[in-house]
N, C-alpha and C. Protein backbone atom coordinates (compact mmCIF):
# COMPACT_ATOMS: atom_id res chain seq x y z
N UNK A 1 -20.09 2.39 -9.95
CA UNK A 1 -18.84 3.16 -10.31
C UNK A 1 -17.79 3.20 -9.21
N UNK A 2 -16.54 3.25 -9.59
CA UNK A 2 -15.53 3.36 -8.69
C UNK A 2 -14.79 4.66 -8.99
N UNK A 3 -14.10 5.24 -7.85
CA UNK A 3 -13.45 6.55 -7.94
C UNK A 3 -11.97 6.29 -7.79
N UNK A 4 -11.25 6.68 -8.71
CA UNK A 4 -9.69 6.65 -8.69
C UNK A 4 -9.18 8.02 -8.60
N UNK A 5 -8.13 8.16 -7.97
CA UNK A 5 -7.41 9.53 -7.87
C UNK A 5 -6.17 9.35 -8.87
N UNK A 6 -5.87 10.39 -9.65
CA UNK A 6 -4.81 10.33 -10.60
C UNK A 6 -3.86 11.48 -10.12
N UNK A 7 -2.59 11.04 -9.61
CA UNK A 7 -1.63 12.02 -9.35
C UNK A 7 -0.77 12.21 -10.51
N UNK A 8 -0.87 13.55 -11.01
CA UNK A 8 -0.29 13.97 -12.34
C UNK A 8 1.03 14.67 -11.92
N UNK A 9 2.21 14.11 -12.30
CA UNK A 9 3.43 14.55 -11.95
C UNK A 9 4.21 15.12 -13.22
N UNK A 10 5.22 15.95 -12.84
CA UNK A 10 6.06 16.40 -14.01
C UNK A 10 7.50 16.24 -13.60
N UNK A 11 8.27 15.71 -14.52
CA UNK A 11 9.66 15.59 -14.30
C UNK A 11 10.39 16.44 -15.34
N UNK A 12 11.60 16.92 -15.06
CA UNK A 12 12.26 17.80 -16.01
C UNK A 12 12.61 17.15 -17.32
N UNK A 13 12.69 17.87 -18.32
CA UNK A 13 12.65 17.33 -19.65
C UNK A 13 13.72 16.29 -19.99
N UNK A 14 14.89 16.49 -19.42
CA UNK A 14 16.01 15.58 -19.76
C UNK A 14 15.92 14.39 -18.83
N UNK A 15 14.89 14.26 -17.96
CA UNK A 15 14.72 12.97 -17.29
C UNK A 15 15.12 12.98 -15.82
N UNK A 16 14.40 12.17 -15.08
CA UNK A 16 14.85 12.01 -13.63
C UNK A 16 14.74 10.50 -13.45
N UNK A 17 15.73 9.96 -12.73
CA UNK A 17 15.90 8.62 -12.39
C UNK A 17 15.18 8.35 -11.02
N UNK A 18 14.32 7.34 -11.04
CA UNK A 18 13.65 6.87 -9.92
C UNK A 18 14.15 5.54 -9.49
N UNK A 19 14.92 5.36 -8.37
CA UNK A 19 15.31 3.95 -8.12
C UNK A 19 14.13 2.97 -7.86
N UNK A 20 14.30 1.74 -7.90
CA UNK A 20 13.30 0.74 -7.72
C UNK A 20 12.52 0.94 -6.48
N UNK A 21 13.14 1.60 -5.49
CA UNK A 21 12.53 1.72 -4.14
C UNK A 21 11.52 2.75 -4.14
N UNK A 22 11.29 3.47 -5.32
CA UNK A 22 10.39 4.63 -5.25
C UNK A 22 8.88 4.17 -4.92
N UNK A 23 8.49 3.00 -5.32
CA UNK A 23 7.18 2.52 -5.07
C UNK A 23 7.00 2.34 -3.58
N UNK A 24 7.99 1.79 -2.98
CA UNK A 24 7.95 1.55 -1.49
C UNK A 24 7.94 2.87 -0.76
N UNK A 25 8.69 3.84 -1.16
CA UNK A 25 8.83 5.07 -0.46
C UNK A 25 7.53 5.78 -0.61
N UNK A 26 6.96 5.84 -1.79
CA UNK A 26 5.68 6.50 -1.97
C UNK A 26 4.57 5.86 -1.15
N UNK A 27 4.55 4.63 -1.12
CA UNK A 27 3.56 3.87 -0.34
C UNK A 27 3.60 4.16 1.13
N UNK A 28 4.75 4.26 1.75
CA UNK A 28 4.90 4.49 3.20
C UNK A 28 4.73 6.04 3.50
N UNK A 29 4.92 6.85 2.61
CA UNK A 29 4.76 8.25 2.78
C UNK A 29 3.21 8.51 2.86
N UNK A 30 2.44 7.79 1.99
CA UNK A 30 1.01 8.04 1.91
C UNK A 30 0.41 7.35 3.06
N UNK A 31 0.93 6.16 3.46
CA UNK A 31 0.42 5.41 4.71
C UNK A 31 0.51 6.22 5.93
N UNK A 32 1.65 6.89 6.08
CA UNK A 32 1.82 7.78 7.23
C UNK A 32 0.84 8.92 7.26
N UNK A 33 0.67 9.52 6.02
CA UNK A 33 -0.23 10.65 5.88
C UNK A 33 -1.67 10.32 6.20
N UNK A 34 -2.06 9.08 5.62
CA UNK A 34 -3.48 8.64 5.82
C UNK A 34 -3.66 7.91 7.18
N UNK A 35 -2.63 7.39 7.83
CA UNK A 35 -2.82 6.60 9.05
C UNK A 35 -3.60 5.34 8.76
N UNK A 36 -3.38 4.72 7.63
CA UNK A 36 -4.10 3.49 7.16
C UNK A 36 -3.33 2.87 6.03
N UNK A 37 -3.57 1.58 5.94
CA UNK A 37 -3.00 0.81 4.74
C UNK A 37 -4.17 0.53 3.75
N UNK A 38 -5.27 1.00 3.90
CA UNK A 38 -6.46 0.69 3.04
C UNK A 38 -6.49 1.46 1.78
N UNK A 39 -5.47 1.30 0.98
CA UNK A 39 -5.32 1.95 -0.27
C UNK A 39 -4.33 1.11 -1.15
N UNK A 40 -4.33 1.40 -2.40
CA UNK A 40 -3.27 0.80 -3.24
C UNK A 40 -2.90 1.89 -4.28
N UNK A 41 -1.62 1.76 -4.79
CA UNK A 41 -1.05 2.71 -5.77
C UNK A 41 -0.63 1.84 -6.97
N UNK A 42 -0.65 2.49 -8.06
CA UNK A 42 0.04 1.80 -9.32
C UNK A 42 1.45 2.16 -9.40
N UNK A 43 2.19 1.46 -10.19
CA UNK A 43 3.56 1.86 -10.64
C UNK A 43 3.39 3.11 -11.60
N UNK A 44 4.53 3.66 -12.03
CA UNK A 44 4.45 4.81 -12.86
C UNK A 44 3.78 4.44 -14.20
N UNK A 45 2.83 5.38 -14.61
CA UNK A 45 2.13 5.18 -15.88
C UNK A 45 2.49 6.33 -16.77
N UNK A 46 3.09 6.05 -17.88
CA UNK A 46 3.60 7.13 -18.81
C UNK A 46 3.95 6.49 -20.09
N UNK A 47 3.63 7.33 -21.19
CA UNK A 47 4.04 7.01 -22.51
C UNK A 47 5.53 7.01 -22.71
N UNK A 48 6.13 7.93 -22.00
CA UNK A 48 7.67 8.24 -22.17
C UNK A 48 8.35 7.90 -20.82
N UNK A 49 8.76 6.65 -20.75
CA UNK A 49 9.53 6.23 -19.68
C UNK A 49 10.47 5.15 -20.03
N UNK A 50 11.59 4.95 -19.37
CA UNK A 50 12.54 3.93 -19.68
C UNK A 50 12.94 3.12 -18.41
N UNK A 51 12.52 1.91 -18.48
CA UNK A 51 12.79 0.94 -17.30
C UNK A 51 14.18 0.36 -17.46
N UNK A 52 14.94 0.44 -16.36
CA UNK A 52 16.29 -0.16 -16.39
C UNK A 52 16.29 -1.15 -15.14
N UNK A 53 17.37 -1.85 -14.95
CA UNK A 53 17.47 -2.94 -14.02
C UNK A 53 17.22 -2.46 -12.55
N UNK A 54 17.77 -1.27 -12.24
CA UNK A 54 17.61 -0.78 -10.75
C UNK A 54 16.64 0.40 -10.58
N UNK A 55 15.77 0.60 -11.59
CA UNK A 55 14.76 1.64 -11.46
C UNK A 55 14.14 2.10 -12.77
N UNK A 56 13.76 3.29 -12.88
CA UNK A 56 13.02 3.78 -14.12
C UNK A 56 13.39 5.26 -14.32
N UNK A 57 13.54 5.64 -15.54
CA UNK A 57 13.76 6.99 -16.00
C UNK A 57 12.41 7.52 -16.37
N UNK A 58 11.95 8.64 -15.85
CA UNK A 58 10.79 9.44 -16.21
C UNK A 58 11.01 10.68 -16.86
N UNK A 59 10.24 11.16 -17.81
CA UNK A 59 10.52 12.24 -18.56
C UNK A 59 9.13 13.06 -18.76
N UNK A 60 9.24 14.30 -18.19
CA UNK A 60 8.09 15.15 -18.29
C UNK A 60 6.84 14.65 -17.57
N UNK A 61 5.77 14.44 -18.29
CA UNK A 61 4.44 14.01 -17.64
C UNK A 61 4.41 12.58 -17.38
N UNK A 62 4.01 12.20 -16.17
CA UNK A 62 3.67 10.70 -15.87
C UNK A 62 2.69 10.78 -14.70
N UNK A 63 1.96 9.71 -14.49
CA UNK A 63 0.84 9.55 -13.54
C UNK A 63 1.05 8.31 -12.67
N UNK A 64 0.47 8.49 -11.44
CA UNK A 64 0.37 7.22 -10.51
C UNK A 64 -1.04 7.33 -10.08
N UNK A 65 -1.74 6.17 -10.08
CA UNK A 65 -3.11 6.14 -9.60
C UNK A 65 -3.21 5.65 -8.16
N UNK A 66 -4.14 6.17 -7.50
CA UNK A 66 -4.36 5.72 -6.15
C UNK A 66 -5.84 5.39 -5.97
N UNK A 67 -6.13 4.32 -5.36
CA UNK A 67 -7.39 3.82 -5.07
C UNK A 67 -7.67 3.59 -3.52
N UNK A 68 -8.79 3.80 -3.08
CA UNK A 68 -9.16 3.67 -1.65
C UNK A 68 -10.64 3.59 -1.54
N UNK A 69 -11.26 2.79 -0.69
CA UNK A 69 -12.64 2.79 -0.49
C UNK A 69 -13.01 4.08 0.37
N UNK A 70 -12.05 4.69 0.93
CA UNK A 70 -12.25 5.85 1.88
C UNK A 70 -11.74 7.17 1.15
N UNK A 71 -12.49 7.52 0.16
CA UNK A 71 -12.12 8.61 -0.72
C UNK A 71 -11.86 9.98 0.06
N UNK A 72 -12.44 10.08 1.27
CA UNK A 72 -12.25 11.27 2.10
C UNK A 72 -10.80 11.43 2.59
N UNK A 73 -10.10 10.29 2.59
CA UNK A 73 -8.72 10.42 3.03
C UNK A 73 -7.87 11.23 2.10
N UNK A 74 -8.25 11.24 0.77
CA UNK A 74 -7.72 12.02 -0.15
C UNK A 74 -8.16 13.51 -0.08
N UNK A 75 -9.46 13.62 -0.18
CA UNK A 75 -10.08 14.94 -0.29
C UNK A 75 -9.81 15.85 0.99
N UNK A 76 -9.72 15.12 2.13
CA UNK A 76 -9.46 15.83 3.45
C UNK A 76 -7.97 16.23 3.66
N UNK A 77 -7.10 15.53 2.86
CA UNK A 77 -5.67 15.75 2.96
C UNK A 77 -4.98 16.28 1.79
N UNK A 78 -5.72 16.91 0.89
CA UNK A 78 -5.24 17.32 -0.37
C UNK A 78 -4.05 18.29 -0.30
N UNK A 79 -4.11 19.24 0.61
CA UNK A 79 -2.96 20.21 0.71
C UNK A 79 -1.71 19.47 1.29
N UNK A 80 -1.91 18.58 2.24
CA UNK A 80 -0.85 17.86 2.80
C UNK A 80 -0.14 16.93 1.75
N UNK A 81 -1.00 16.30 0.88
CA UNK A 81 -0.50 15.44 -0.11
C UNK A 81 0.48 16.25 -1.11
N UNK A 82 0.06 17.42 -1.50
CA UNK A 82 0.88 18.27 -2.31
C UNK A 82 2.22 18.52 -1.65
N UNK A 83 2.02 18.88 -0.47
CA UNK A 83 3.36 19.27 0.37
C UNK A 83 4.27 18.12 0.46
N UNK A 84 3.77 17.04 0.83
CA UNK A 84 4.60 15.79 1.01
C UNK A 84 5.22 15.29 -0.27
N UNK A 85 4.44 15.14 -1.34
CA UNK A 85 4.77 14.53 -2.49
C UNK A 85 5.80 15.52 -3.32
N UNK A 86 5.61 16.69 -3.13
CA UNK A 86 6.45 17.67 -3.85
C UNK A 86 7.81 17.79 -3.32
N UNK A 87 8.05 17.23 -2.11
CA UNK A 87 9.41 17.13 -1.48
C UNK A 87 10.01 15.73 -1.51
N UNK A 88 9.26 14.77 -2.17
CA UNK A 88 9.64 13.41 -2.01
C UNK A 88 10.78 13.01 -2.96
N UNK A 89 10.72 13.41 -4.21
CA UNK A 89 11.75 13.10 -5.24
C UNK A 89 12.25 14.37 -5.90
N UNK A 90 13.60 14.50 -5.92
CA UNK A 90 14.23 15.71 -6.42
C UNK A 90 13.97 15.73 -8.05
N UNK A 91 13.57 16.91 -8.47
CA UNK A 91 13.44 17.07 -9.94
C UNK A 91 12.08 16.78 -10.32
N UNK A 92 11.17 16.37 -9.49
CA UNK A 92 9.74 15.96 -9.73
C UNK A 92 8.83 16.72 -8.90
N UNK A 93 7.72 17.28 -9.51
CA UNK A 93 6.69 17.84 -8.72
C UNK A 93 5.38 17.54 -9.21
N UNK A 94 4.40 17.45 -8.19
CA UNK A 94 3.03 17.16 -8.38
C UNK A 94 2.26 18.26 -8.86
N UNK A 95 1.90 18.13 -10.18
CA UNK A 95 1.16 19.27 -10.84
C UNK A 95 -0.30 19.27 -10.45
N UNK A 96 -1.02 18.14 -10.30
CA UNK A 96 -2.34 18.10 -10.02
C UNK A 96 -2.87 16.79 -9.54
N UNK A 97 -3.92 16.77 -8.91
CA UNK A 97 -4.73 15.56 -8.49
C UNK A 97 -6.09 15.59 -8.98
N UNK A 98 -6.41 14.61 -9.84
CA UNK A 98 -7.80 14.54 -10.46
C UNK A 98 -8.45 13.36 -9.96
N UNK A 99 -9.70 13.39 -10.11
CA UNK A 99 -10.64 12.17 -9.72
C UNK A 99 -11.22 11.68 -11.01
N UNK A 100 -11.24 10.39 -11.06
CA UNK A 100 -11.81 9.73 -12.28
C UNK A 100 -12.81 8.67 -11.92
N UNK A 101 -13.91 8.63 -12.52
CA UNK A 101 -14.95 7.63 -12.27
C UNK A 101 -14.77 6.52 -13.39
N UNK A 102 -14.77 5.36 -12.90
CA UNK A 102 -14.55 4.14 -13.78
C UNK A 102 -15.56 3.05 -13.63
N UNK A 103 -15.91 2.43 -14.61
CA UNK A 103 -16.80 1.34 -14.54
C UNK A 103 -16.30 0.14 -13.72
N UNK A 104 -17.10 -0.49 -12.88
CA UNK A 104 -16.80 -1.54 -12.06
C UNK A 104 -16.66 -2.80 -13.13
N UNK A 105 -15.54 -3.53 -13.02
CA UNK A 105 -15.36 -4.63 -14.02
C UNK A 105 -15.15 -5.98 -13.27
N UNK A 106 -15.66 -6.99 -13.89
CA UNK A 106 -15.47 -8.34 -13.30
C UNK A 106 -14.37 -9.05 -14.10
N UNK A 107 -13.86 -8.42 -15.23
CA UNK A 107 -12.70 -8.92 -16.02
C UNK A 107 -11.95 -7.73 -16.44
N UNK A 108 -10.58 -7.96 -16.48
CA UNK A 108 -9.74 -6.91 -16.96
C UNK A 108 -8.27 -7.14 -16.47
N UNK A 109 -7.57 -5.98 -16.32
CA UNK A 109 -6.20 -6.08 -15.98
C UNK A 109 -5.89 -5.29 -14.70
N UNK A 110 -5.07 -5.87 -13.86
CA UNK A 110 -4.83 -5.25 -12.63
C UNK A 110 -3.72 -4.18 -12.82
N UNK A 111 -3.99 -2.94 -12.40
CA UNK A 111 -3.01 -1.87 -12.46
C UNK A 111 -2.29 -1.66 -11.15
N UNK A 112 -2.97 -1.94 -10.13
CA UNK A 112 -2.31 -1.93 -8.73
C UNK A 112 -2.43 -3.35 -8.27
N UNK A 113 -1.35 -3.65 -7.43
CA UNK A 113 -1.19 -5.08 -7.05
C UNK A 113 -2.34 -5.46 -6.10
N UNK A 114 -2.73 -6.75 -6.23
CA UNK A 114 -3.72 -7.40 -5.40
C UNK A 114 -2.93 -8.31 -4.31
N UNK A 115 -3.41 -8.11 -3.13
CA UNK A 115 -2.68 -8.87 -2.04
C UNK A 115 -3.74 -9.44 -1.08
N UNK A 116 -3.40 -10.47 -0.40
CA UNK A 116 -4.26 -11.19 0.59
C UNK A 116 -3.39 -11.50 1.82
N UNK A 117 -3.91 -11.16 3.01
CA UNK A 117 -3.16 -11.33 4.23
C UNK A 117 -4.16 -12.12 5.15
N UNK A 118 -3.63 -13.04 5.94
CA UNK A 118 -4.35 -13.75 6.93
C UNK A 118 -3.49 -13.71 8.28
N UNK A 119 -4.08 -13.04 9.19
CA UNK A 119 -3.33 -12.84 10.54
C UNK A 119 -1.84 -12.32 10.43
N UNK A 120 -1.80 -11.43 9.44
CA UNK A 120 -0.38 -10.83 9.23
C UNK A 120 0.53 -11.66 8.25
N UNK A 121 0.01 -12.71 7.80
CA UNK A 121 0.82 -13.52 6.89
C UNK A 121 0.34 -13.35 5.48
N UNK A 122 1.28 -13.09 4.59
CA UNK A 122 0.94 -12.93 3.09
C UNK A 122 0.58 -14.27 2.54
N UNK A 123 -0.50 -14.43 1.84
CA UNK A 123 -0.83 -15.61 1.10
C UNK A 123 -0.26 -15.47 -0.38
N UNK A 124 0.39 -16.55 -0.80
CA UNK A 124 0.95 -16.49 -2.04
C UNK A 124 -0.01 -17.17 -3.09
N UNK A 125 -0.43 -16.34 -4.07
CA UNK A 125 -1.54 -16.80 -5.04
C UNK A 125 -1.09 -17.97 -5.72
N UNK A 126 0.20 -18.09 -6.30
CA UNK A 126 0.58 -19.15 -7.10
C UNK A 126 0.71 -20.52 -6.39
N UNK A 127 0.72 -20.38 -5.03
CA UNK A 127 0.83 -21.63 -4.24
C UNK A 127 -0.58 -22.10 -3.79
N UNK A 128 -1.36 -21.14 -3.39
CA UNK A 128 -2.67 -21.40 -2.82
C UNK A 128 -3.83 -20.45 -3.44
N UNK A 129 -4.12 -20.62 -4.72
CA UNK A 129 -5.10 -19.65 -5.30
C UNK A 129 -6.42 -19.59 -4.64
N UNK A 130 -6.96 -20.72 -4.10
CA UNK A 130 -8.21 -20.72 -3.52
C UNK A 130 -8.14 -20.11 -2.22
N UNK A 131 -7.19 -20.31 -1.36
CA UNK A 131 -7.04 -19.71 -0.07
C UNK A 131 -6.83 -18.20 -0.29
N UNK A 132 -6.00 -17.82 -1.24
CA UNK A 132 -5.84 -16.48 -1.60
C UNK A 132 -7.17 -15.67 -1.78
N UNK A 133 -8.06 -16.28 -2.61
CA UNK A 133 -9.27 -15.82 -3.03
C UNK A 133 -10.24 -15.66 -1.74
N UNK A 134 -10.25 -16.65 -0.98
CA UNK A 134 -11.06 -16.61 0.24
C UNK A 134 -10.58 -15.66 1.26
N UNK A 135 -9.21 -15.48 1.31
CA UNK A 135 -8.72 -14.57 2.29
C UNK A 135 -8.99 -13.09 1.81
N UNK A 136 -8.81 -12.89 0.42
CA UNK A 136 -9.20 -11.60 -0.14
C UNK A 136 -10.68 -11.32 0.05
N UNK A 137 -11.55 -12.25 -0.04
CA UNK A 137 -12.99 -12.11 0.28
C UNK A 137 -13.26 -11.58 1.62
N UNK A 138 -12.53 -12.20 2.56
CA UNK A 138 -12.61 -11.73 4.05
C UNK A 138 -12.13 -10.37 4.24
N UNK A 139 -11.02 -10.03 3.63
CA UNK A 139 -10.52 -8.60 3.64
C UNK A 139 -11.64 -7.62 3.10
N UNK A 140 -12.17 -8.00 1.94
CA UNK A 140 -13.18 -7.06 1.41
C UNK A 140 -14.40 -7.00 2.29
N UNK A 141 -14.79 -8.07 2.95
CA UNK A 141 -15.86 -7.98 3.90
C UNK A 141 -15.51 -7.05 5.08
N UNK A 142 -14.38 -7.18 5.53
CA UNK A 142 -13.90 -6.25 6.61
C UNK A 142 -13.79 -4.79 6.23
N UNK A 143 -13.43 -4.59 5.00
CA UNK A 143 -13.42 -3.23 4.60
C UNK A 143 -14.81 -2.69 4.39
N UNK A 144 -15.70 -3.53 3.88
CA UNK A 144 -17.05 -3.15 3.59
C UNK A 144 -17.68 -2.71 4.91
N UNK A 145 -17.41 -3.52 5.94
CA UNK A 145 -17.94 -3.27 7.34
C UNK A 145 -17.44 -1.92 7.89
N UNK A 146 -16.22 -1.73 7.71
CA UNK A 146 -15.56 -0.54 8.14
C UNK A 146 -16.11 0.69 7.42
N UNK A 147 -16.53 0.55 6.21
CA UNK A 147 -17.07 1.62 5.42
C UNK A 147 -18.52 1.89 5.75
N UNK A 148 -19.31 0.86 5.88
CA UNK A 148 -20.74 0.94 5.92
C UNK A 148 -21.28 0.50 7.30
N UNK A 149 -20.60 0.01 8.26
CA UNK A 149 -21.12 -0.48 9.44
C UNK A 149 -21.91 -1.67 9.50
N UNK A 150 -21.86 -2.39 8.38
CA UNK A 150 -22.63 -3.64 8.33
C UNK A 150 -22.03 -4.55 7.21
N UNK A 151 -22.37 -5.80 7.09
CA UNK A 151 -21.75 -6.65 6.06
C UNK A 151 -22.92 -6.68 4.95
N UNK A 152 -22.50 -6.96 3.80
CA UNK A 152 -23.49 -7.15 2.70
C UNK A 152 -24.27 -8.42 2.85
N UNK A 153 -25.48 -8.45 2.44
CA UNK A 153 -26.17 -9.72 2.56
C UNK A 153 -25.63 -10.90 1.62
N UNK A 154 -25.33 -10.44 0.41
CA UNK A 154 -24.73 -11.28 -0.47
C UNK A 154 -23.16 -11.28 -0.47
N UNK A 155 -22.57 -12.26 0.07
CA UNK A 155 -21.13 -12.23 0.34
C UNK A 155 -20.41 -13.22 -0.71
N UNK A 156 -20.92 -13.46 -1.84
CA UNK A 156 -20.21 -14.33 -2.80
C UNK A 156 -18.93 -13.49 -3.35
N UNK A 157 -17.90 -14.17 -3.49
CA UNK A 157 -16.68 -13.58 -4.15
C UNK A 157 -15.66 -14.65 -4.42
N UNK A 158 -15.19 -14.74 -5.75
CA UNK A 158 -14.14 -15.61 -6.02
C UNK A 158 -13.34 -14.93 -7.15
N UNK A 159 -11.99 -14.97 -6.85
CA UNK A 159 -10.89 -14.15 -7.65
C UNK A 159 -9.95 -15.06 -8.39
N UNK A 160 -9.79 -14.78 -9.64
CA UNK A 160 -8.72 -15.63 -10.47
C UNK A 160 -7.86 -14.68 -11.22
N UNK A 161 -6.61 -15.06 -11.38
CA UNK A 161 -5.60 -14.42 -12.29
C UNK A 161 -5.57 -15.36 -13.44
N UNK A 162 -6.11 -14.88 -14.58
CA UNK A 162 -6.19 -15.83 -15.74
C UNK A 162 -5.00 -15.87 -16.67
N UNK A 163 -4.29 -14.68 -16.63
CA UNK A 163 -3.10 -14.64 -17.63
C UNK A 163 -2.09 -13.60 -17.08
N UNK A 164 -0.82 -13.75 -17.60
CA UNK A 164 0.18 -12.78 -17.29
C UNK A 164 0.48 -12.54 -15.79
N UNK A 165 0.51 -13.54 -15.10
CA UNK A 165 0.73 -13.46 -13.65
C UNK A 165 2.12 -12.88 -13.38
N UNK A 166 2.20 -11.86 -12.58
CA UNK A 166 3.33 -11.20 -12.10
C UNK A 166 3.33 -10.97 -10.63
N UNK A 167 4.48 -11.27 -9.96
CA UNK A 167 4.51 -11.20 -8.54
C UNK A 167 5.45 -10.11 -8.13
N UNK A 168 5.12 -9.35 -7.15
CA UNK A 168 5.93 -8.22 -6.73
C UNK A 168 5.92 -8.08 -5.12
N UNK A 169 7.13 -8.15 -4.60
CA UNK A 169 7.29 -7.98 -3.14
C UNK A 169 8.27 -6.90 -2.83
N UNK A 170 7.69 -5.64 -2.90
CA UNK A 170 8.42 -4.46 -2.65
C UNK A 170 8.09 -3.84 -1.28
N UNK A 171 6.80 -3.84 -0.96
CA UNK A 171 6.27 -3.43 0.30
C UNK A 171 6.52 -4.55 1.27
N UNK A 172 7.12 -4.33 2.43
CA UNK A 172 7.47 -5.38 3.40
C UNK A 172 6.34 -6.36 3.67
N UNK A 173 5.13 -5.81 3.98
CA UNK A 173 4.13 -6.70 4.46
C UNK A 173 3.02 -7.02 3.47
N UNK A 174 3.39 -6.90 2.15
CA UNK A 174 2.51 -7.21 1.09
C UNK A 174 3.20 -7.98 -0.08
N UNK A 175 2.62 -9.12 -0.42
CA UNK A 175 3.02 -9.68 -1.73
C UNK A 175 1.91 -9.38 -2.69
N UNK A 176 2.31 -8.63 -3.65
CA UNK A 176 1.34 -8.06 -4.66
C UNK A 176 1.38 -8.87 -6.03
N UNK A 177 0.11 -9.04 -6.60
CA UNK A 177 0.04 -9.66 -7.88
C UNK A 177 -0.59 -8.86 -8.91
N UNK A 178 -0.15 -9.02 -10.14
CA UNK A 178 -0.60 -8.35 -11.35
C UNK A 178 -0.94 -9.32 -12.40
N UNK A 179 -1.81 -8.88 -13.34
CA UNK A 179 -2.14 -9.75 -14.47
C UNK A 179 -3.56 -9.51 -14.94
N UNK A 180 -4.08 -10.38 -15.73
CA UNK A 180 -5.39 -10.32 -16.23
C UNK A 180 -6.28 -11.10 -15.17
N UNK A 181 -7.37 -10.60 -14.72
CA UNK A 181 -8.13 -11.23 -13.73
C UNK A 181 -9.54 -11.44 -14.24
N UNK A 182 -10.27 -12.28 -13.45
CA UNK A 182 -11.68 -12.52 -13.56
C UNK A 182 -12.18 -12.73 -12.04
N UNK A 183 -13.41 -12.12 -11.83
CA UNK A 183 -14.09 -12.30 -10.55
C UNK A 183 -15.59 -12.68 -10.78
N UNK A 184 -15.94 -13.54 -9.81
CA UNK A 184 -17.32 -14.06 -9.72
C UNK A 184 -17.78 -13.51 -8.39
N UNK A 185 -18.62 -12.53 -8.31
CA UNK A 185 -18.95 -12.00 -7.06
C UNK A 185 -20.29 -11.26 -6.96
N UNK A 186 -20.69 -10.94 -5.75
CA UNK A 186 -21.96 -10.04 -5.61
C UNK A 186 -21.61 -8.71 -6.08
N UNK A 187 -22.60 -7.90 -6.26
CA UNK A 187 -22.40 -6.50 -6.82
C UNK A 187 -21.63 -5.67 -5.74
N UNK A 188 -21.96 -5.92 -4.43
CA UNK A 188 -21.38 -5.15 -3.39
C UNK A 188 -19.82 -5.42 -3.23
N UNK A 189 -19.45 -6.70 -3.27
CA UNK A 189 -18.01 -7.05 -3.17
C UNK A 189 -17.25 -6.85 -4.37
N UNK A 190 -17.83 -6.86 -5.63
CA UNK A 190 -17.21 -6.51 -6.73
C UNK A 190 -16.87 -5.03 -6.83
N UNK A 191 -17.87 -4.20 -6.40
CA UNK A 191 -17.57 -2.80 -6.30
C UNK A 191 -16.45 -2.41 -5.28
N UNK A 192 -16.46 -3.20 -4.08
CA UNK A 192 -15.50 -2.90 -3.11
C UNK A 192 -14.11 -3.34 -3.70
N UNK A 193 -14.02 -4.48 -4.37
CA UNK A 193 -12.73 -4.79 -5.04
C UNK A 193 -12.20 -3.71 -5.87
N UNK A 194 -13.10 -3.18 -6.77
CA UNK A 194 -12.73 -2.18 -7.74
C UNK A 194 -12.42 -0.76 -7.14
N UNK A 195 -12.91 -0.63 -5.94
CA UNK A 195 -12.56 0.61 -5.20
C UNK A 195 -11.36 0.42 -4.47
N UNK A 196 -10.87 -0.78 -4.10
CA UNK A 196 -9.68 -1.04 -3.32
C UNK A 196 -8.43 -1.18 -4.35
N UNK A 197 -8.64 -1.82 -5.46
CA UNK A 197 -7.64 -2.07 -6.44
C UNK A 197 -7.97 -1.49 -7.73
N UNK A 198 -6.92 -0.86 -8.41
CA UNK A 198 -7.06 -0.16 -9.63
C UNK A 198 -7.02 -1.23 -10.82
N UNK A 199 -8.17 -1.11 -11.60
CA UNK A 199 -8.19 -2.06 -12.77
C UNK A 199 -8.55 -1.31 -14.01
N UNK A 200 -8.27 -1.94 -15.18
CA UNK A 200 -8.77 -1.39 -16.38
C UNK A 200 -9.28 -2.57 -17.30
């Protein structure tokens, strides 16, 4: 099982406009709070939203998911998260943070962007899918080691985006990819992937 955190927000009924930079702003605020980049967030999840060219209008209830292999980063900073996020966007407040357990999946849809970096350089999936997959495998191995103090015995991992490839470069040092995915991997690295990236 993987643990996802759901940030439940409320915007005033007649709507609040979030510029397209909201994703970037939110990421860097959380990065500063956690003192790490080892997490991902989703874009706004809501039934009632309106996307426009330079941003998004949100109305009443909406959610943003956060995933990290280091769940204690959220639980130990819960009050600071409320304090910081409630002052981030005018007209929006954070109602609650809930935790959700989800099944680990080897096929599905990416809700948070997947990225791969090698020595500070972003690997572009559409140009080098095999190198992207291998770089992602190395990243997951490093995260696994940081989490457990050892590497898994079974280190198999291969990642594919099978349909609906979408590229996003909003965060300076990440090129993120969305779409339908498939993974062939060991149990340990599959679980680490689903704890680092939000999927459904």
